[in-house]
Amino acid sequence: MNTVLAARLQHIAPFHVMEIATHARALQAQGRDIIHMEIGEPDFPSPPPVIEAAQALLSSGQIYYTSALGIQPLREAISGHYKRFYSLDISPDRIIVTAGGSAALLLTCALLVNRDDEILLTDPSYPCNRHFVRVMDGVPRTLSVGASEAYQFTADLIDRAWSAKTKGVLVASPSNPTGTSVREGELKKIVECVAAHQGVMISDETYAGLNYGRKPETALAYSDDVFSINSFSKYFTMTGWRLGWLVAPSRYVRKLETLAQNLYISPAALSQHAAIACFSEAGYAVAEARRKEFEARRDYFVDALTKLGFKIPIMPDAGFFVYADVSAFTRDSERFCTEILDRTGVAFAPGIDFGEHRAREHVRMAYAVSLEKLKDGVSRLASAF
């Protein structure tokens, strides 16, 4: 039988980093010791309070479908999180619990993006963001940014790029792959710029909380019309639980609920009940201890890489990524990653996964491994140069 695939699949590219990861696993199967810096996943286990809450629910056996919007106690706990972190009063009624942060973006794009609608994104940026726009037959239009803008949008850049086809902007702050945030004072200007164009502001805040040297910032502080996406995967280190949330303008919640009902019915009940523990004092204590550990890793790793000849023109201020300029070594980041992996057993991601702007001269490295492994990795890299 001839299978006719949807034309949109022509525009959904595979992750090049997955080729690196597959090759790394093959080397491991041969007995090689591999240091994995290619995948952005914290090495910490699920927080103990989360495990305890999950075990209690498992023992009860009361695990059923929930509301597509999520269970009310979790929505209320997330509301409390905004009060604690940002001194904001966000109604639980505006909060939609989702099956991962990706599902929050899926719902948002399904709600907002029509065929040929243009959404502005930065280059470099997380590839899934532009792919979600394409899945809805929209047009992701990427704008090149560099270290001078902290690899982030500015209001002026958005204003100059806005066209008759532009529907909105997707701002990811903090950013994957760069680990940088929109400069202080600029996020408010961006929100105001988008509003002046009568556009849609989507704020990807997946890495919020993992901030170093500055407080977390949310676009929700500047407008109730923002769509804010977040996740339990990064700050709360719950990757495998597949849980996130979306804060939306209240007038769209009912439509988002309908979409969620049809796309995935509801987030996993076990994950939702367990995640409430993240917002306990014990849960925050775990998250903060891990944030400090990430900061210590960053401080060591950036300094060590710089001494090896990697160019890091701006210090990452959040998350657990370093976006390093490797133009001193190569003009082909994918080949460079493969060769370094073969020679040293250190795996990291080629810049071509994240865009086109000088992508072949950059790599992304994740310091989501122990400090001991980072030091081992640096030692191995030193032997290669």
Protein backbone atom coordinates (compact mmCIF):
# COMPACT_ATOMS: atom_id res chain seq x y z
CA MET A 1 0.00 0.00 0.00
CA ASN A 2 1.28 3.47 -0.88
CA THR A 3 1.24 5.72 2.16
CA VAL A 4 0.69 9.40 1.45
CA LEU A 5 2.35 11.42 4.19
CA ALA A 6 1.25 14.90 5.19
CA ALA A 7 3.24 17.57 3.39
CA ARG A 8 4.06 19.27 6.70
CA LEU A 9 6.45 16.44 7.54
CA GLN A 10 8.84 17.78 4.91
CA HIS A 11 9.51 20.68 7.25
CA ILE A 12 9.94 18.70 10.49
CA ALA A 13 13.63 17.95 10.77
CA PRO A 14 15.08 15.23 13.01
CA PHE A 15 17.36 16.15 15.88
CA HIS A 16 20.99 15.88 14.82
CA VAL A 17 21.86 15.44 18.49
CA MET A 18 19.97 12.15 18.44
CA GLU A 19 22.50 10.85 15.93
CA ILE A 20 25.21 11.82 18.39
CA ALA A 21 23.31 10.17 21.25
CA THR A 22 22.80 6.98 19.24
CA HIS A 23 26.49 6.87 18.38
CA ALA A 24 27.37 7.48 22.03
CA ARG A 25 25.19 4.56 23.14
CA ALA A 26 26.81 2.33 20.53
CA LEU A 27 30.24 3.22 21.91
CA GLN A 28 28.99 2.48 25.42
CA ALA A 29 27.79 -0.93 24.25
CA GLN A 30 31.36 -1.56 23.11
CA GLY A 31 32.63 -0.81 26.61
CA ARG A 32 33.59 2.87 26.18
CA ASP A 33 32.99 5.24 29.09
CA ILE A 34 30.91 8.13 27.73
CA ILE A 35 30.24 11.48 29.38
CA HIS A 36 26.84 12.67 28.17
CA MET A 37 26.66 16.42 27.70
CA GLU A 38 24.46 16.18 24.60
CA ILE A 39 21.02 15.80 26.21
CA GLY A 40 19.40 18.46 28.38
CA GLU A 41 18.22 16.31 31.26
CA PRO A 42 19.15 16.87 34.91
CA ASP A 43 21.10 13.99 36.42
CA PHE A 44 19.32 14.31 39.76
CA PRO A 45 16.71 11.68 40.69
CA SER A 46 13.10 12.69 41.22
CA PRO A 47 12.75 14.74 44.42
CA PRO A 48 12.07 12.59 47.52
CA PRO A 49 8.86 14.49 48.43
CA VAL A 50 7.53 13.75 44.94
CA ILE A 51 8.37 10.05 45.25
CA GLU A 52 6.68 9.85 48.65
CA ALA A 53 3.52 11.50 47.33
CA ALA A 54 3.44 9.15 44.35
CA GLN A 55 3.90 6.10 46.55
CA ALA A 56 1.00 7.18 48.75
CA LEU A 57 -1.30 7.52 45.76
CA LEU A 58 -0.15 4.20 44.32
CA SER A 59 -0.96 2.51 47.62
CA SER A 60 -4.48 3.95 47.52
CA GLY A 61 -5.11 2.69 43.99
CA GLN A 62 -7.14 5.84 43.27
CA ILE A 63 -5.62 6.65 39.89
CA TYR A 64 -8.20 7.73 37.32
CA TYR A 65 -8.77 10.26 34.58
CA THR A 66 -8.76 13.85 35.80
CA SER A 67 -10.19 17.04 34.40
CA ALA A 68 -8.46 18.05 31.17
CA LEU A 69 -7.45 21.24 32.98
CA GLY A 70 -5.72 19.29 35.75
CA ILE A 71 -6.62 18.58 39.35
CA GLN A 72 -7.69 21.62 41.34
CA PRO A 73 -5.17 21.21 44.21
CA LEU A 74 -2.29 21.31 41.73
CA ARG A 75 -3.68 24.33 39.89
CA GLU A 76 -3.98 26.10 43.24
CA ALA A 77 -0.42 25.10 44.19
CA ILE A 78 0.89 26.52 40.90
CA SER A 79 -1.02 29.73 41.60
CA GLY A 80 0.73 29.90 44.96
CA HIS A 81 4.06 29.42 43.20
CA TYR A 82 3.50 32.63 41.23
CA LYS A 83 2.75 34.45 44.46
CA ARG A 84 5.92 33.09 46.07
CA PHE A 85 8.28 33.60 43.13
CA TYR A 86 6.89 36.73 41.48
CA SER A 87 4.44 38.31 43.96
CA LEU A 88 1.72 37.82 41.33
CA ASP A 89 -1.89 36.86 41.89
CA ILE A 90 -2.59 34.37 39.09
CA SER A 91 -6.02 32.79 39.36
CA PRO A 92 -5.99 28.96 39.37
CA ASP A 93 -8.76 29.23 36.77
CA ARG A 94 -6.19 30.50 34.26
CA ILE A 95 -3.85 27.55 34.81
CA ILE A 96 -4.04 24.48 32.56
CA VAL A 97 -1.96 21.50 33.70
CA THR A 98 -0.54 19.70 30.66
CA ALA A 99 1.21 16.48 29.68
CA GLY A 100 4.62 18.13 29.71
CA GLY A 101 5.63 21.62 28.67
CA SER A 102 5.48 20.41 25.06
CA ALA A 103 1.74 19.81 25.41
CA ALA A 104 1.35 23.36 26.69
CA LEU A 105 2.97 24.66 23.50
CA LEU A 106 0.91 22.23 21.41
CA LEU A 107 -2.32 23.57 22.91
CA THR A 108 -1.19 27.16 22.44
CA CYS A 109 -0.26 26.68 18.80
CA ALA A 110 -3.44 24.71 18.09
CA LEU A 111 -5.44 27.57 19.60
CA LEU A 112 -3.68 30.46 17.88
CA VAL A 113 -1.86 29.48 14.69
CA ASN A 114 -3.69 29.43 11.36
CA ARG A 115 -2.27 28.41 7.99
CA ASP A 116 0.48 30.82 6.90
CA ASP A 117 0.44 32.75 10.17
CA GLU A 118 3.94 33.97 10.92
CA ILE A 119 5.42 33.46 14.39
CA LEU A 120 8.73 35.17 15.20
CA LEU A 121 11.42 33.13 16.98
CA THR A 122 15.10 33.65 17.66
CA ASP A 123 17.92 31.88 15.85
CA PRO A 124 19.34 30.02 17.77
CA SER A 125 16.36 28.49 19.56
CA TYR A 126 14.92 25.15 20.67
CA PRO A 127 13.93 23.32 17.44
CA CYS A 128 10.64 21.92 18.73
CA ASN A 129 9.28 25.44 19.10
CA ARG A 130 9.43 26.15 15.38
CA HIS A 131 8.27 22.62 14.56
CA PHE A 132 5.07 23.08 16.58
CA VAL A 133 4.32 26.17 14.50
CA ARG A 134 4.89 24.19 11.31
CA VAL A 135 2.66 21.32 12.48
CA MET A 136 -0.18 23.86 12.58
CA ASP A 137 0.78 24.97 9.03
CA GLY A 138 2.10 28.24 10.36
CA VAL A 139 5.37 29.86 9.33
CA PRO A 140 8.15 30.10 11.91
CA ARG A 141 10.26 33.11 10.99
CA THR A 142 13.58 33.12 12.78
CA LEU A 143 15.58 36.25 13.51
CA SER A 144 19.33 35.98 14.03
CA VAL A 145 20.56 37.03 17.46
CA GLY A 146 24.01 36.99 18.99
CA ALA A 147 25.91 37.68 22.17
CA SER A 148 25.29 41.43 21.94
CA GLU A 149 21.57 40.72 22.54
CA ALA A 150 22.31 37.88 24.98
CA TYR A 151 21.01 35.60 22.18
CA GLN A 152 17.55 36.99 22.89
CA PHE A 153 14.88 39.18 21.35
CA THR A 154 14.79 42.91 21.91
CA ALA A 155 11.67 45.00 21.43
CA ASP A 156 13.41 46.96 18.69
CA LEU A 157 14.30 43.79 16.76
CA ILE A 158 10.70 42.57 16.95
CA ASP A 159 9.31 45.94 15.94
CA ARG A 160 11.54 46.15 12.86
CA ALA A 161 10.77 42.56 11.83
CA TRP A 162 6.98 42.72 12.22
CA SER A 163 5.11 42.23 8.94
CA ALA A 164 1.51 42.03 7.77
CA LYS A 165 1.76 38.24 8.09
CA THR A 166 3.08 38.24 11.66
CA LYS A 167 0.65 36.76 14.19
CA GLY A 168 2.88 36.79 17.22
CA VAL A 169 6.18 36.12 18.95
CA LEU A 170 7.54 33.15 20.87
CA VAL A 171 10.07 34.33 23.44
CA ALA A 172 12.05 31.65 25.30
CA SER A 173 13.65 33.14 28.40
CA PRO A 174 15.74 31.51 29.76
CA SER A 175 16.78 29.96 26.47
CA ASN A 176 17.73 26.53 25.27
CA PRO A 177 20.43 26.29 23.81
CA THR A 178 22.13 29.43 25.11
CA GLY A 179 21.25 29.44 28.81
CA THR A 180 20.63 33.18 28.63
CA SER A 181 17.68 35.37 29.57
CA VAL A 182 16.15 38.47 28.03
CA ARG A 183 18.12 41.41 29.38
CA GLU A 184 16.73 43.10 32.48
CA GLY A 185 14.11 45.70 31.61
CA GLU A 186 13.64 44.35 28.07
CA LEU A 187 10.89 41.78 28.64
CA LYS A 188 8.37 44.47 29.59
CA LYS A 189 9.26 46.38 26.41
CA ILE A 190 8.76 43.22 24.33
CA VAL A 191 5.32 42.60 25.82
CA GLU A 192 4.36 46.21 25.10
CA CYS A 193 5.74 46.00 21.55
CA VAL A 194 3.71 42.87 20.75
CA ALA A 195 0.58 44.46 22.23
CA ALA A 196 1.13 47.58 20.12
CA HIS A 197 1.10 45.37 17.02
CA GLN A 198 -2.04 43.63 18.33
CA GLY A 199 -0.13 40.36 18.23
CA VAL A 200 0.13 37.29 20.43
CA MET A 201 2.88 36.88 23.02
CA ILE A 202 3.92 33.30 23.83
CA SER A 203 6.47 33.11 26.64
CA ASP A 204 8.38 29.85 27.06
CA GLU A 205 9.51 29.89 30.70
CA THR A 206 10.52 26.24 30.95
CA TYR A 207 13.83 27.03 32.66
CA ALA A 208 12.47 29.69 35.03
CA GLY A 209 13.74 29.13 38.55
CA LEU A 210 17.13 27.86 37.42
CA ASN A 211 18.46 31.42 37.46
CA TYR A 212 21.89 32.55 38.63
CA GLY A 213 22.64 36.07 39.79
CA ARG A 214 19.20 37.45 39.03
CA LYS A 215 15.63 36.69 40.04
CA PRO A 216 13.30 34.70 37.77
CA GLU A 217 11.13 36.88 35.54
CA THR A 218 7.79 36.11 33.92
CA ALA A 219 6.04 37.96 31.12
CA LEU A 220 2.84 37.53 33.13
CA ALA A 221 4.06 40.40 35.30
CA TYR A 222 3.42 42.79 32.41
CA SER A 223 0.19 41.56 30.84
CA ASP A 224 -2.73 39.21 31.41
CA ASP A 225 -2.82 38.55 27.65
CA VAL A 226 0.42 36.53 27.64
CA PHE A 227 0.43 32.77 27.09
CA SER A 228 3.07 31.46 29.52
CA ILE A 229 4.45 27.93 29.18
CA ASN A 230 6.23 26.12 31.99
CA SER A 231 7.35 22.65 32.99
CA PHE A 232 8.10 20.47 36.00
CA SER A 233 11.09 18.98 34.15
CA LYS A 234 13.86 21.49 34.81
CA TYR A 235 13.65 23.46 38.07
CA PHE A 236 11.71 20.63 39.73
CA THR A 237 13.76 17.86 37.99
CA MET A 238 10.73 15.73 37.03
CA THR A 239 11.54 14.98 33.36
CA GLY A 240 10.08 11.48 33.11
CA TRP A 241 6.82 12.44 34.79
CA ARG A 242 5.82 14.43 31.69
CA LEU A 243 4.06 17.31 33.36
CA GLY A 244 3.87 21.02 32.62
CA TRP A 245 1.44 23.89 32.68
CA LEU A 246 0.11 26.82 30.72
CA VAL A 247 -1.15 30.13 32.04
CA ALA A 248 -3.55 31.65 29.53
CA PRO A 249 -5.85 34.66 29.32
CA SER A 250 -9.07 33.64 31.05
CA ARG A 251 -11.22 34.08 27.94
CA TYR A 252 -9.37 31.24 26.18
CA VAL A 253 -9.39 28.62 28.93
CA ARG A 254 -12.60 26.92 27.82
CA LYS A 255 -11.30 26.49 24.25
CA LEU A 256 -7.99 25.17 25.59
CA GLU A 257 -9.88 22.69 27.74
CA THR A 258 -11.73 21.43 24.65
CA LEU A 259 -8.45 21.00 22.78
CA ALA A 260 -6.87 19.13 25.69
CA GLN A 261 -9.88 16.82 26.00
CA ASN A 262 -9.53 15.87 22.36
CA LEU A 263 -5.74 15.68 22.10
CA TYR A 264 -4.83 13.73 25.25
CA ILE A 265 -7.89 13.64 27.58
CA SER A 266 -5.92 14.65 30.69
CA PRO A 267 -2.41 14.71 32.14
CA ALA A 268 -1.35 11.61 34.08
CA ALA A 269 -3.11 11.52 37.45
CA LEU A 270 -0.11 10.05 39.27
CA SER A 271 2.20 12.80 38.02
CA GLN A 272 -0.25 15.52 39.00
CA HIS A 273 -0.78 14.32 42.55
CA ALA A 274 2.95 13.79 43.03
CA ALA A 275 3.82 17.24 41.68
CA ILE A 276 1.88 19.00 44.42
CA ALA A 277 4.80 18.08 46.70
CA CYS A 278 7.10 20.32 44.65
CA PHE A 279 5.42 23.33 46.22
CA SER A 280 5.92 22.20 49.81
CA GLU A 281 8.78 23.65 51.86
CA ALA A 282 10.60 20.34 51.48
CA GLY A 283 10.04 20.42 47.73
CA TYR A 284 11.41 23.94 47.37
CA ALA A 285 14.40 23.03 49.55
CA VAL A 286 15.32 20.22 47.16
CA ALA A 287 14.88 22.43 44.10
CA GLU A 288 16.99 25.23 45.57
CA ALA A 289 19.81 22.89 46.62
CA ARG A 290 19.93 21.53 43.09
CA ARG A 291 19.85 25.01 41.58
CA LYS A 292 22.91 25.93 43.63
CA GLU A 293 24.66 22.77 42.44
CA PHE A 294 23.93 23.70 38.82
CA GLU A 295 25.36 27.15 39.47
CA ALA A 296 28.58 25.67 40.87
CA ARG A 297 28.86 23.42 37.83
CA ARG A 298 28.34 26.37 35.51
CA ASP A 299 31.03 28.44 37.23
CA TYR A 300 33.57 25.65 36.91
CA PHE A 301 32.62 24.56 33.41
CA VAL A 302 32.56 27.94 31.69
CA ASP A 303 35.95 28.87 33.14
CA ALA A 304 37.46 25.51 32.17
CA LEU A 305 36.11 25.62 28.61
CA THR A 306 37.39 29.16 28.12
CA LYS A 307 40.88 28.04 29.12
CA LEU A 308 40.67 25.29 26.49
CA GLY A 309 39.97 27.81 23.73
CA PHE A 310 36.19 27.63 23.52
CA LYS A 311 34.68 31.09 23.08
CA ILE A 312 31.81 31.87 25.45
CA PRO A 313 31.13 35.58 24.91
CA ILE A 314 28.34 35.82 27.47
CA MET A 315 27.99 33.99 30.77
CA PRO A 316 24.89 31.75 30.88
CA ASP A 317 22.59 33.08 33.58
CA ALA A 318 20.08 30.23 33.76
CA GLY A 319 19.36 26.60 32.90
CA PHE A 320 22.22 24.16 32.38
CA PHE A 321 23.57 24.84 28.89
CA VAL A 322 26.66 26.46 27.45
CA TYR A 323 26.44 27.60 23.82
CA ALA A 324 30.09 27.65 22.83
CA ASP A 325 31.73 29.16 19.77
CA VAL A 326 34.09 26.52 18.32
CA SER A 327 35.22 28.51 15.28
CA ALA A 328 38.80 28.23 16.53
CA PHE A 329 38.55 24.48 15.94
CA THR A 330 36.05 23.90 13.13
CA ARG A 331 33.50 25.21 10.64
CA ASP A 332 31.48 21.99 10.82
CA SER A 333 30.00 21.52 14.29
CA GLU A 334 28.32 18.20 13.48
CA ARG A 335 31.55 16.62 12.27
CA PHE A 336 33.37 18.19 15.21
CA CYS A 337 30.94 16.62 17.70
CA THR A 338 31.34 13.19 16.11
CA GLU A 339 35.13 13.39 16.05
CA ILE A 340 35.36 14.59 19.66
CA LEU A 341 33.01 11.81 20.75
CA ASP A 342 35.13 9.19 18.99
CA ARG A 343 38.40 10.55 20.36
CA THR A 344 37.44 11.47 23.91
CA GLY A 345 34.11 9.86 24.77
CA VAL A 346 32.57 13.28 25.47
CA ALA A 347 29.22 13.87 23.74
CA PHE A 348 27.66 17.24 23.01
CA ALA A 349 25.18 18.71 20.51
CA PRO A 350 25.97 20.45 17.21
CA GLY A 351 24.71 23.99 16.75
CA ILE A 352 22.86 23.06 13.54
CA ASP A 353 20.03 21.65 15.67
CA PHE A 354 19.18 25.13 16.90
CA GLY A 355 19.12 27.24 13.75
CA GLU A 356 21.26 28.53 10.93
CA HIS A 357 22.98 31.65 12.27
CA ARG A 358 26.64 30.60 12.64
CA ALA A 359 25.27 27.21 13.69
CA ARG A 360 28.18 25.28 12.21
CA GLU A 361 30.53 27.23 14.45
CA HIS A 362 28.72 26.46 17.71
CA VAL A 363 28.01 23.51 19.98
CA ARG A 364 25.71 23.13 22.95
CA MET A 365 27.07 21.49 26.08
CA ALA A 366 24.89 20.52 29.04
CA TYR A 367 26.35 20.73 32.54
CA ALA A 368 23.56 18.44 33.73
CA VAL A 369 26.11 15.88 34.92
CA SER A 370 28.05 15.76 38.17
CA LEU A 371 30.97 18.10 38.82
CA GLU A 372 33.22 15.04 38.89
CA LYS A 373 32.10 14.06 35.39
CA LEU A 374 32.51 17.63 34.17
CA LYS A 375 36.10 17.65 35.38
CA ASP A 376 36.73 14.30 33.72
CA GLY A 377 35.20 15.63 30.51
CA VAL A 378 37.36 18.75 30.57
CA SER A 379 40.45 16.62 31.12
CA ARG A 380 39.56 14.50 28.11
CA LEU A 381 38.88 17.55 25.95
CA ALA A 382 42.22 19.04 26.99
CA SER A 383 43.95 15.97 25.61
CA ALA A 384 42.28 16.52 22.23
CA PHE A 385 43.52 20.07 21.67
